[in-house]
Amino acid sequence: MHGSIHSLYRYPVKGLTPEPLDRVALEAGRAFPFDRLFALAKPQGAYNADTFVPVSKREYYVLLNTDRLAGLAVGFDPETGLIRVTVQGHPVLEADLSTEAGRAEFVELYARVADLPDGERPVLAEQPGYNFTDQANNGSRMMNTISLINRASIREFEARIGRELDPLRFRANVYIEGLEPWVERDWIGRELQLGGSGGVTVRVVEETERCAATEVDPSTARRDVPVVRLLHENYGHEIMGVFAEVLSVGTLAPGDSVAVPDAATAA
């Protein structure tokens, strides 16, 4: 079974918009580089930088609870620490997140956009070696993973509900083309080769159960399609995509091949 990588994305700040990538270098046992590197934690919530333990995404400002996040488009330069924010294509902030002043500027902008009450400001969370992915908060099975989406499954879902959906609703790192719909549901425990001989081997570890964040249109920042309910009504589950653990070092780019062994070979 063969497909190809359609596109690659990282999400520097959990809940905010993605950055498309022309290429990404992955390492064994590590998450997507600079993906969910930061998160906006709720003040007085369970997140504590000094005694950090993974907490529920509900402890952060994310699309699940804050639609307006989708209106902030961000670009992050990991070499300089600069984050650039635009709203509807207009630059509104350039701040250095390696400095206290820059972090304060970014937090203040978010508070204004989200219309938080006076005096309520999020905490810009960052933990060395940790990515604020949902799968990283999986109890005793916590691990670093990347997320994959089969675009054919999205299209089949669109046909069922009679609506077009921006694939970016599903906030994956790797979008795959050229496969049959829903074949990824048979990948748990199997290894995939992404990117041919220069790419990486990954092991699929878990399906991605969707939440209300997928209801938000990333282009309008409005909640418009009850994706979770429609998945359940049409398929009896709320799954779209899978998480995979990286097993080898390599580089990926759009257009690279995706090789999936058949079940008999994998066994």
Protein backbone atom coordinates (compact mmCIF):
# COMPACT_ATOMS: atom_id res chain seq x y z
CA MET A 1 0.00 0.00 0.00
CA HIS A 2 1.56 3.28 -1.09
CA GLY A 3 0.63 6.92 -0.77
CA SER A 4 2.47 10.22 -0.53
CA ILE A 5 2.90 13.11 1.86
CA HIS A 6 0.61 15.94 0.82
CA SER A 7 1.66 18.54 3.40
CA LEU A 8 3.46 19.07 6.71
CA TYR A 9 2.53 21.40 9.57
CA ARG A 10 3.67 22.41 13.00
CA TYR A 11 1.73 24.41 15.58
CA PRO A 12 4.20 26.52 17.60
CA VAL A 13 1.52 27.60 20.10
CA LYS A 14 -1.08 25.05 21.16
CA GLY A 15 -4.49 26.08 19.81
CA LEU A 16 -3.20 28.69 17.39
CA THR A 17 -2.78 28.39 13.62
CA PRO A 18 -0.35 26.03 11.88
CA GLU A 19 2.82 26.78 9.96
CA PRO A 20 3.27 24.85 6.68
CA LEU A 21 6.72 23.31 6.26
CA ASP A 22 8.73 22.56 3.14
CA ARG A 23 10.83 20.03 5.04
CA VAL A 24 11.16 18.62 8.54
CA ALA A 25 13.88 16.58 10.24
CA LEU A 26 12.59 14.02 12.74
CA GLU A 27 14.41 12.17 15.50
CA ALA A 28 13.62 8.82 17.08
CA GLY A 29 11.43 9.13 20.15
CA ARG A 30 10.84 12.85 19.63
CA ALA A 31 7.77 14.85 18.67
CA PHE A 32 7.49 17.09 15.61
CA PRO A 33 10.14 19.83 16.10
CA PHE A 34 8.77 23.00 17.69
CA ASP A 35 5.23 21.63 17.58
CA ARG A 36 3.04 22.81 20.48
CA LEU A 37 6.23 24.23 22.00
CA PHE A 38 4.16 26.82 23.87
CA ALA A 39 0.69 26.81 25.36
CA LEU A 40 -1.52 29.47 26.91
CA ALA A 41 -2.39 28.17 30.36
CA LYS A 42 -5.33 29.39 32.38
CA PRO A 43 -4.36 31.49 35.40
CA GLN A 44 -5.20 29.80 38.69
CA GLY A 45 -5.42 26.52 36.79
CA ALA A 46 -3.64 23.20 37.21
CA TYR A 47 -0.56 24.12 35.16
CA ASN A 48 2.48 24.85 37.31
CA ALA A 49 5.84 25.47 35.68
CA ASP A 50 7.83 24.68 38.82
CA THR A 51 6.14 21.37 39.66
CA PHE A 52 5.11 20.48 36.14
CA VAL A 53 3.04 17.41 35.39
CA PRO A 54 0.96 17.01 32.20
CA VAL A 55 -2.57 18.35 32.62
CA SER A 56 -5.74 18.25 30.56
CA LYS A 57 -6.02 20.49 27.50
CA ARG A 58 -8.97 22.07 29.30
CA GLU A 59 -6.39 23.76 31.52
CA TYR A 60 -5.21 25.76 28.48
CA TYR A 61 -6.86 28.23 26.15
CA VAL A 62 -7.46 26.07 23.06
CA LEU A 63 -10.05 25.89 20.28
CA LEU A 64 -12.10 23.56 22.44
CA ASN A 65 -12.97 26.50 24.69
CA THR A 66 -11.80 29.63 22.85
CA ASP A 67 -12.91 29.95 19.21
CA ARG A 68 -11.11 33.24 18.68
CA LEU A 69 -7.72 31.53 18.81
CA ALA A 70 -8.24 30.53 15.18
CA GLY A 71 -8.10 34.19 14.19
CA LEU A 72 -4.47 34.59 15.29
CA ALA A 73 -2.06 33.47 12.56
CA VAL A 74 1.44 32.92 13.92
CA GLY A 75 4.90 32.40 12.51
CA PHE A 76 7.71 31.34 14.81
CA ASP A 77 11.47 31.45 14.22
CA PRO A 78 13.04 28.93 16.62
CA GLU A 79 16.54 30.31 15.99
CA THR A 80 15.71 33.83 17.16
CA GLY A 81 12.68 33.20 19.37
CA LEU A 82 10.67 35.75 17.37
CA ILE A 83 6.95 35.20 16.97
CA ARG A 84 5.00 37.15 14.39
CA VAL A 85 1.23 37.42 14.69
CA THR A 86 -1.21 38.55 12.03
CA VAL A 87 -4.99 38.95 12.15
CA GLN A 88 -6.79 38.70 8.80
CA GLY A 89 -3.47 39.17 7.05
CA HIS A 90 -2.50 42.31 8.97
CA PRO A 91 0.63 42.24 11.19
CA VAL A 92 -0.27 42.98 14.79
CA LEU A 93 2.76 41.84 16.79
CA GLU A 94 6.40 40.82 16.56
CA ALA A 95 7.78 39.72 19.91
CA ASP A 96 10.81 37.86 21.21
CA LEU A 97 9.54 34.96 23.30
CA SER A 98 13.00 34.42 24.74
CA THR A 99 12.53 37.63 26.77
CA GLU A 100 10.12 38.47 29.55
CA ALA A 101 9.05 41.63 27.72
CA GLY A 102 8.28 39.72 24.54
CA ARG A 103 6.31 37.06 26.38
CA ALA A 104 4.31 39.76 28.15
CA GLU A 105 3.50 41.45 24.82
CA PHE A 106 2.27 38.18 23.36
CA VAL A 107 0.13 37.36 26.39
CA GLU A 108 -1.36 40.86 26.37
CA LEU A 109 -2.31 40.55 22.70
CA TYR A 110 -4.01 37.24 23.30
CA ALA A 111 -5.95 38.65 26.27
CA ARG A 112 -7.29 41.46 24.07
CA VAL A 113 -8.24 39.20 21.16
CA ALA A 114 -9.96 36.71 23.47
CA ASP A 115 -11.67 39.55 25.36
CA LEU A 116 -10.56 38.20 28.73
CA PRO A 117 -11.78 40.01 31.85
CA ASP A 118 -9.68 42.85 33.24
CA GLY A 119 -6.71 41.46 35.11
CA GLU A 120 -7.01 37.95 33.68
CA ARG A 121 -3.95 37.03 31.67
CA PRO A 122 -2.92 33.59 30.46
CA VAL A 123 0.37 32.04 31.49
CA LEU A 124 2.68 31.36 28.54
CA ALA A 125 3.66 27.77 29.27
CA GLU A 126 6.94 26.26 28.07
CA GLN A 127 8.61 23.14 29.46
CA PRO A 128 12.05 22.02 28.21
CA GLY A 129 11.82 18.75 26.29
CA TYR A 130 8.02 18.71 26.36
CA ASN A 131 5.48 19.33 23.61
CA PHE A 132 1.95 20.29 24.65
CA THR A 133 0.23 17.71 22.45
CA ASP A 134 -2.96 16.02 23.57
CA GLN A 135 -1.35 12.59 23.26
CA ALA A 136 1.54 13.65 25.51
CA ASN A 137 -1.01 13.85 28.34
CA ASN A 138 -1.93 10.19 28.17
CA GLY A 139 -1.20 9.10 31.70
CA SER A 140 1.28 6.29 32.19
CA ARG A 141 1.61 5.88 28.40
CA MET A 142 2.83 9.41 27.89
CA MET A 143 5.14 9.58 24.87
CA ASN A 144 6.26 11.91 22.13
CA THR A 145 4.31 11.34 18.94
CA ILE A 146 3.45 12.91 15.59
CA SER A 147 -0.06 13.04 14.16
CA LEU A 148 -1.12 11.74 10.75
CA ILE A 149 -4.28 12.28 8.70
CA ASN A 150 -5.49 10.36 5.66
CA ARG A 151 -7.07 13.03 3.45
CA ALA A 152 -9.19 10.40 1.70
CA SER A 153 -10.98 9.76 5.00
CA ILE A 154 -11.82 13.45 5.26
CA ARG A 155 -13.22 13.43 1.73
CA GLU A 156 -15.35 10.37 2.42
CA PHE A 157 -16.66 12.06 5.56
CA GLU A 158 -17.43 15.21 3.54
CA ALA A 159 -19.44 13.13 1.08
CA ARG A 160 -21.44 11.61 3.93
CA ILE A 161 -22.38 14.94 5.49
CA GLY A 162 -22.64 17.02 2.30
CA ARG A 163 -20.19 19.66 3.53
CA GLU A 164 -16.65 20.62 2.56
CA LEU A 165 -14.23 20.71 5.48
CA ASP A 166 -10.85 22.38 5.62
CA PRO A 167 -8.46 19.52 6.52
CA LEU A 168 -6.68 21.89 8.89
CA ARG A 169 -9.61 21.52 11.27
CA PHE A 170 -7.92 18.28 12.30
CA ARG A 171 -4.60 19.94 13.17
CA ALA A 172 -2.30 17.11 12.09
CA ASN A 173 1.44 17.20 11.43
CA VAL A 174 1.43 14.94 8.35
CA TYR A 175 -1.35 14.86 5.76
CA ILE A 176 -1.30 11.82 3.45
CA GLU A 177 -2.75 11.35 -0.04
CA GLY A 178 -3.20 8.35 -2.33
CA LEU A 179 -4.74 5.84 0.09
CA GLU A 180 -8.22 4.41 0.47
CA PRO A 181 -10.52 6.02 3.05
CA TRP A 182 -10.16 4.77 6.61
CA VAL A 183 -7.29 2.32 5.99
CA GLU A 184 -5.47 4.05 8.84
CA ARG A 185 -7.85 2.41 11.31
CA ASP A 186 -5.97 -0.85 10.68
CA TRP A 187 -2.53 0.62 11.38
CA ILE A 188 -2.39 0.37 15.18
CA GLY A 189 0.84 -1.41 16.14
CA ARG A 190 2.15 -1.40 12.57
CA GLU A 191 5.21 0.38 11.17
CA LEU A 192 5.06 2.82 8.24
CA GLN A 193 7.91 4.14 6.13
CA LEU A 194 7.53 7.87 5.54
CA GLY A 195 9.78 9.47 2.94
CA GLY A 196 11.50 6.50 1.32
CA SER A 197 15.11 5.58 2.08
CA GLY A 198 15.94 9.04 3.45
CA GLY A 199 12.78 9.25 5.50
CA VAL A 200 11.72 7.81 8.80
CA THR A 201 10.07 4.71 10.18
CA VAL A 202 7.13 5.29 12.51
CA ARG A 203 4.96 2.97 14.57
CA VAL A 204 1.28 3.84 14.85
CA VAL A 205 0.30 3.74 18.52
CA GLU A 206 -3.19 5.19 18.84
CA GLU A 207 -6.16 6.59 16.96
CA THR A 208 -7.06 10.25 17.34
CA GLU A 209 -10.35 10.78 19.10
CA ARG A 210 -11.76 14.15 18.15
CA CYS A 211 -13.14 16.93 20.33
CA ALA A 212 -15.15 20.10 19.79
CA ALA A 213 -12.05 21.96 18.55
CA THR A 214 -12.79 20.47 15.12
CA GLU A 215 -16.06 22.40 15.02
CA VAL A 216 -14.16 25.65 14.43
CA ASP A 217 -13.54 26.69 10.82
CA PRO A 218 -9.84 27.70 10.74
CA SER A 219 -10.47 30.34 8.08
CA THR A 220 -13.32 32.14 9.86
CA ALA A 221 -12.62 31.30 13.54
CA ARG A 222 -16.31 30.42 13.88
CA ARG A 223 -17.86 27.24 15.22
CA ASP A 224 -19.99 25.99 12.34
CA VAL A 225 -19.99 22.17 11.87
CA PRO A 226 -20.63 19.66 14.71
CA VAL A 227 -17.84 17.36 13.53
CA VAL A 228 -17.78 15.09 16.59
CA ARG A 229 -21.53 14.47 16.50
CA LEU A 230 -21.49 13.86 12.74
CA LEU A 231 -18.62 11.39 13.02
CA HIS A 232 -20.54 9.47 15.66
CA GLU A 233 -23.81 9.55 13.71
CA ASN A 234 -22.18 8.35 10.49
CA TYR A 235 -19.57 5.91 11.76
CA GLY A 236 -20.27 5.15 15.39
CA HIS A 237 -16.93 6.66 16.49
CA GLU A 238 -15.26 10.06 16.86
CA ILE A 239 -11.97 9.08 15.21
CA MET A 240 -10.07 10.96 12.53
CA GLY A 241 -6.35 10.23 12.17
CA VAL A 242 -3.68 8.45 14.18
CA PHE A 243 -0.71 9.15 16.42
CA ALA A 244 2.65 7.56 15.60
CA GLU A 245 5.95 7.21 17.42
CA VAL A 246 9.08 8.05 15.41
CA LEU A 247 11.52 5.12 15.37
CA SER A 248 14.38 6.45 13.22
CA VAL A 249 16.13 9.64 12.17
CA GLY A 250 15.20 11.13 8.81
CA THR A 251 13.78 14.00 6.80
CA LEU A 252 10.32 14.44 5.28
CA ALA A 253 9.00 16.74 2.57
CA PRO A 254 5.71 17.09 0.69
CA GLY A 255 5.65 14.64 -2.22
CA ASP A 256 7.65 11.99 -0.38
CA SER A 257 6.33 8.45 -0.47
CA VAL A 258 4.38 6.69 2.26
CA ALA A 259 4.70 2.90 2.39
CA VAL A 260 2.31 0.84 4.51
CA PRO A 261 2.95 -2.92 4.76
CA ASP A 262 -0.10 -5.09 4.28
CA ALA A 263 -1.42 -6.92 7.31
CA ALA A 264 0.11 -10.25 6.31
CA THR A 265 3.58 -8.72 5.87
CA ALA A 266 3.33 -6.82 9.14
CA ALA A 267 2.41 -10.00 10.98
